[in-house]
Amino acid sequence: GMARLGEEELSKHTVKECQHKITLIKESLARMSPNMGAIAEYRSKHGEFLERQRELDESTERRDAVRAEHDAVRKQRLDEFMQGFSVITMRLKEMYQMITLGGDAELELVDSLDPFSEGIVFSVRPPKKSWKNISNLSGGEKTLSSLSLVFALHHYKPTPLYVMDEIDAALDFKNVSIVANYIKERTKNAQFIIISLRNNMFELADRLVGIYKTHHCTKTVTINPQKLAAHLPPADAPAVPAT
């Protein structure tokens, strides 16, 4: 409110002096030319500010919701990966021991805190040998290691169809038989197409497709080894003399 002056203070000012001060103030106000619409503009801008603030709050809420969903998906991916990794690692050990008759195999995470950053190390210990990275193995050892991993993956999440090209080329007779019998007896929930030149592999096939060439043309013939074997005489049967 306005200041109240006592009689003593009023006696110090004359009417003429007060009128002079009023005149100076009016002149000063005229020079200022204040924008009387500033208050209305402020209210308008303040309303816009509140609207933008509301939009920001909504965007922040949506961002937080998406971030929480992203974190949940990342956690689910990690949990499912580690669960599968554990099962596959255990099954790999069993497969490699079975195929090599006594070896050992291991899958290890390069970075256990972030499995997806650096990858996985695959190491094996062939029978009567030391641990080696798979890249340092011989051809036959690499084949057995790779097949062990394929079979372990198949156990965890079966694939309906496999195509394998001469997987037995670097294997000895014993290992070819082990692999062939495993595919025959333990993977009945999948179909294997195997290109092979080893008789102890292809003789166990349900269907045998032979490829040959005559007159510069490639031809094929398909047989059922089991049906064919049923019509053949036993290997130890005496030969029937020609008449």
Protein backbone atom coordinates (compact mmCIF):
# COMPACT_ATOMS: atom_id res chain seq x y z
CA GLY A 1 0.00 0.00 0.00
CA MET A 2 0.97 3.68 -0.01
CA ALA A 3 3.33 4.99 2.67
CA ARG A 4 1.80 7.22 5.34
CA LEU A 5 3.78 10.32 6.34
CA GLY A 6 3.54 12.07 9.68
CA GLU A 7 3.06 15.85 10.14
CA GLU A 8 6.75 16.37 10.74
CA GLU A 9 7.68 14.61 7.50
CA LEU A 10 4.93 16.40 5.56
CA SER A 11 6.27 19.76 6.74
CA LYS A 12 9.51 19.02 4.91
CA HIS A 13 7.71 18.91 1.49
CA THR A 14 5.86 21.70 -0.28
CA VAL A 15 2.95 21.24 -2.68
CA LYS A 16 4.99 22.71 -5.49
CA GLU A 17 7.80 20.27 -4.85
CA CYS A 18 5.40 17.30 -4.85
CA GLN A 19 3.78 18.48 -8.09
CA HIS A 20 7.24 18.74 -9.67
CA LYS A 21 8.06 15.16 -8.68
CA ILE A 22 4.73 13.95 -10.10
CA THR A 23 5.49 15.70 -13.36
CA LEU A 24 8.94 14.07 -13.55
CA ILE A 25 7.45 10.62 -12.85
CA LYS A 26 4.80 11.06 -15.57
CA GLU A 27 7.47 12.12 -18.07
CA SER A 28 9.55 9.09 -17.11
CA LEU A 29 6.56 6.77 -17.60
CA ALA A 30 5.84 8.30 -20.98
CA ARG A 31 9.43 7.66 -22.10
CA MET A 32 9.20 4.04 -20.92
CA SER A 33 6.12 3.32 -23.12
CA PRO A 34 5.32 0.04 -21.25
CA ASN A 35 3.70 -2.82 -23.20
CA MET A 36 0.41 -3.32 -21.45
CA GLY A 37 -0.16 -6.57 -23.39
CA ALA A 38 2.90 -8.19 -21.76
CA ILE A 39 0.82 -9.75 -19.00
CA ALA A 40 -1.57 -11.36 -21.48
CA GLU A 41 1.40 -12.60 -23.54
CA TYR A 42 3.03 -13.99 -20.41
CA ARG A 43 -0.13 -15.88 -19.54
CA SER A 44 -0.27 -17.28 -23.09
CA LYS A 45 3.40 -18.36 -23.01
CA HIS A 46 2.93 -19.84 -19.55
CA GLY A 47 0.04 -21.91 -20.89
CA GLU A 48 2.24 -23.14 -23.75
CA PHE A 49 4.98 -23.96 -21.26
CA LEU A 50 2.56 -26.05 -19.18
CA GLU A 51 1.40 -27.88 -22.32
CA ARG A 52 4.99 -28.62 -23.36
CA GLN A 53 5.78 -29.76 -19.85
CA ARG A 54 2.82 -32.15 -19.97
CA GLU A 55 4.02 -33.53 -23.32
CA LEU A 56 7.52 -33.94 -21.88
CA ASP A 57 6.16 -35.83 -18.87
CA GLU A 58 4.18 -38.13 -21.18
CA SER A 59 7.23 -38.72 -23.39
CA THR A 60 9.34 -39.46 -20.32
CA GLU A 61 6.78 -41.98 -19.10
CA ARG A 62 6.72 -43.69 -22.52
CA ARG A 63 10.52 -43.69 -22.64
CA ASP A 64 10.73 -45.24 -19.16
CA ALA A 65 8.15 -47.88 -20.14
CA VAL A 66 10.07 -48.80 -23.33
CA ARG A 67 13.35 -48.82 -21.41
CA ALA A 68 11.87 -51.16 -18.80
CA GLU A 69 10.55 -53.42 -21.58
CA HIS A 70 13.96 -53.38 -23.28
CA ASP A 71 15.69 -54.28 -20.03
CA ALA A 72 13.20 -57.11 -19.45
CA VAL A 73 13.83 -58.49 -22.95
CA ARG A 74 17.60 -58.29 -22.44
CA LYS A 75 17.27 -60.14 -19.14
CA GLN A 76 15.04 -62.77 -20.76
CA ARG A 77 17.58 -63.18 -23.58
CA LEU A 78 20.41 -63.60 -21.06
CA ASP A 79 18.45 -66.07 -18.90
CA GLU A 80 17.39 -68.20 -21.87
CA PHE A 81 20.88 -68.09 -23.38
CA MET A 82 22.56 -69.17 -20.14
CA GLN A 83 20.01 -71.93 -19.66
CA GLY A 84 20.62 -73.22 -23.19
CA PHE A 85 24.38 -72.74 -22.86
CA SER A 86 24.43 -74.90 -19.73
CA VAL A 87 22.41 -77.69 -21.36
CA ILE A 88 24.45 -77.62 -24.58
CA THR A 89 27.77 -77.61 -22.70
CA MET A 90 26.76 -80.65 -20.66
CA ARG A 91 25.46 -82.48 -23.71
CA LEU A 92 28.61 -81.59 -25.66
CA LYS A 93 30.73 -83.31 -23.03
CA GLU A 94 28.60 -86.44 -23.31
CA MET A 95 28.65 -86.41 -27.11
CA TYR A 96 32.40 -85.92 -27.38
CA GLN A 97 33.13 -88.60 -24.78
CA MET A 98 30.85 -91.02 -26.62
CA ILE A 99 32.25 -90.32 -30.10
CA THR A 100 35.92 -90.29 -29.08
CA LEU A 101 35.61 -93.02 -26.45
CA GLY A 102 37.05 -91.02 -23.57
CA GLY A 103 37.84 -87.44 -24.62
CA ASP A 104 36.50 -84.27 -23.04
CA ALA A 105 35.10 -81.00 -24.41
CA GLU A 106 34.26 -77.61 -22.95
CA LEU A 107 32.46 -74.44 -23.98
CA GLU A 108 33.55 -71.30 -22.11
CA LEU A 109 32.36 -67.71 -22.25
CA VAL A 110 35.10 -65.20 -23.03
CA ASP A 111 33.29 -62.59 -20.93
CA SER A 112 31.08 -64.22 -18.30
CA LEU A 113 29.55 -60.85 -17.34
CA ASP A 114 28.44 -60.10 -20.91
CA PRO A 115 28.19 -63.35 -22.91
CA PHE A 116 27.20 -61.53 -26.11
CA SER A 117 30.23 -59.22 -26.32
CA GLU A 118 33.20 -61.53 -26.93
CA GLY A 119 31.79 -64.92 -27.91
CA ILE A 120 32.57 -68.50 -26.85
CA VAL A 121 35.76 -70.56 -26.72
CA PHE A 122 35.46 -74.21 -27.81
CA SER A 123 38.19 -76.42 -26.35
CA VAL A 124 38.59 -80.20 -26.43
CA ARG A 125 40.88 -82.81 -24.95
CA PRO A 126 41.21 -85.77 -27.32
CA PRO A 127 41.84 -89.13 -25.60
CA LYS A 128 45.33 -89.30 -24.07
CA LYS A 129 46.14 -85.74 -25.19
CA SER A 130 46.16 -82.26 -23.65
CA TRP A 131 43.49 -79.55 -23.92
CA LYS A 132 43.48 -77.67 -27.24
CA ASN A 133 41.50 -74.93 -28.87
CA ILE A 134 39.47 -76.32 -31.76
CA SER A 135 41.48 -74.22 -34.23
CA ASN A 136 44.63 -76.19 -33.30
CA LEU A 137 43.19 -79.67 -33.96
CA SER A 138 43.86 -82.04 -36.82
CA GLY A 139 41.25 -82.58 -39.54
CA GLY A 140 39.77 -85.71 -37.96
CA GLU A 141 39.72 -84.14 -34.48
CA LYS A 142 38.01 -81.03 -35.82
CA THR A 143 35.36 -83.19 -37.49
CA LEU A 144 34.61 -85.11 -34.29
CA SER A 145 34.49 -81.89 -32.26
CA SER A 146 32.17 -80.18 -34.73
CA LEU A 147 29.86 -83.19 -34.94
CA SER A 148 29.71 -83.36 -31.14
CA LEU A 149 28.59 -79.74 -31.06
CA VAL A 150 26.03 -80.30 -33.83
CA PHE A 151 24.56 -83.28 -31.95
CA ALA A 152 24.50 -81.30 -28.69
CA LEU A 153 22.66 -78.46 -30.43
CA HIS A 154 20.27 -80.97 -31.98
CA HIS A 155 19.54 -82.39 -28.54
CA TYR A 156 18.73 -78.91 -27.20
CA LYS A 157 16.71 -77.71 -30.18
CA PRO A 158 16.18 -80.29 -32.93
CA THR A 159 16.45 -79.23 -36.56
CA PRO A 160 14.35 -81.21 -39.04
CA LEU A 161 16.93 -81.42 -41.83
CA TYR A 162 20.74 -81.66 -42.00
CA VAL A 163 22.96 -81.76 -45.08
CA MET A 164 26.50 -83.01 -44.43
CA ASP A 165 29.18 -83.18 -47.11
CA GLU A 166 31.81 -85.91 -46.56
CA ILE A 167 31.94 -85.43 -42.80
CA ASP A 168 33.66 -88.80 -42.56
CA ALA A 169 36.50 -88.09 -45.02
CA ALA A 170 39.08 -87.45 -42.26
CA LEU A 171 37.83 -90.15 -39.85
CA ASP A 172 39.14 -93.66 -39.34
CA PHE A 173 36.92 -96.72 -39.75
CA LYS A 174 36.01 -96.93 -36.04
CA ASN A 175 34.92 -93.29 -35.76
CA VAL A 176 32.94 -93.48 -39.00
CA SER A 177 30.98 -96.41 -37.56
CA ILE A 178 30.38 -94.59 -34.26
CA VAL A 179 29.08 -91.47 -36.01
CA ALA A 180 26.99 -93.44 -38.52
CA ASN A 181 25.34 -95.54 -35.82
CA TYR A 182 24.63 -92.48 -33.68
CA ILE A 183 22.93 -90.72 -36.59
CA LYS A 184 20.99 -93.89 -37.39
CA GLU A 185 19.78 -94.70 -33.87
CA ARG A 186 19.73 -91.43 -31.90
CA THR A 187 18.46 -88.81 -34.34
CA LYS A 188 15.22 -90.35 -35.60
CA ASN A 189 13.46 -86.97 -35.19
CA ALA A 190 15.47 -85.48 -38.06
CA GLN A 191 16.41 -86.24 -41.65
CA PHE A 192 20.09 -86.41 -42.61
CA ILE A 193 21.34 -86.08 -46.17
CA ILE A 194 24.96 -87.20 -46.08
CA ILE A 195 27.39 -87.22 -48.99
CA SER A 196 29.81 -90.04 -48.26
CA LEU A 197 32.25 -92.41 -49.92
CA ARG A 198 32.64 -94.63 -46.83
CA ASN A 199 30.70 -97.87 -47.00
CA ASN A 200 30.25 -98.17 -43.22
CA MET A 201 28.46 -94.82 -43.38
CA PHE A 202 26.21 -95.16 -46.42
CA GLU A 203 25.31 -98.82 -45.79
CA LEU A 204 23.25 -97.66 -42.77
CA ALA A 205 21.18 -95.26 -44.88
CA ASP A 206 17.42 -95.66 -45.25
CA ARG A 207 17.81 -94.65 -48.88
CA LEU A 208 21.01 -94.76 -50.88
CA VAL A 209 21.31 -92.46 -53.89
CA GLY A 210 24.16 -93.35 -56.21
CA ILE A 211 25.45 -90.89 -58.78
CA TYR A 212 27.26 -92.09 -61.88
CA LYS A 213 28.15 -90.89 -65.34
CA THR A 214 27.57 -92.57 -68.69
CA HIS A 215 27.93 -91.07 -72.16
CA HIS A 216 28.86 -87.72 -70.63
CA CYS A 217 25.57 -87.59 -68.71
CA THR A 218 25.15 -87.70 -64.94
CA LYS A 219 22.54 -90.18 -63.73
CA THR A 220 21.26 -91.37 -60.37
CA VAL A 221 19.95 -94.58 -58.95
CA THR A 222 18.13 -94.91 -55.62
CA ILE A 223 17.96 -98.12 -53.60
CA ASN A 224 16.76 -99.27 -50.20
CA PRO A 225 19.79 -100.98 -48.62
CA GLN A 226 17.65 -102.95 -46.14
CA LYS A 227 15.37 -104.37 -48.84
CA LEU A 228 18.35 -105.11 -51.07
CA ALA A 229 20.16 -106.88 -48.25
CA ALA A 230 17.09 -109.05 -47.58
CA HIS A 231 17.26 -110.43 -51.12
CA LEU A 232 21.00 -111.08 -51.08
CA PRO A 233 22.47 -114.39 -49.85
CA PRO A 234 24.42 -114.23 -46.57
CA ALA A 235 28.08 -113.33 -46.95
CA ASP A 236 29.19 -116.69 -45.56
CA ALA A 237 26.75 -118.75 -47.71
CA PRO A 238 28.39 -121.24 -50.09
CA ALA A 239 28.45 -120.18 -53.70
CA VAL A 240 25.89 -121.86 -55.92
CA PRO A 241 27.69 -123.59 -58.78
CA ALA A 242 26.75 -122.51 -62.25
CA THR A 243 24.78 -125.01 -64.28
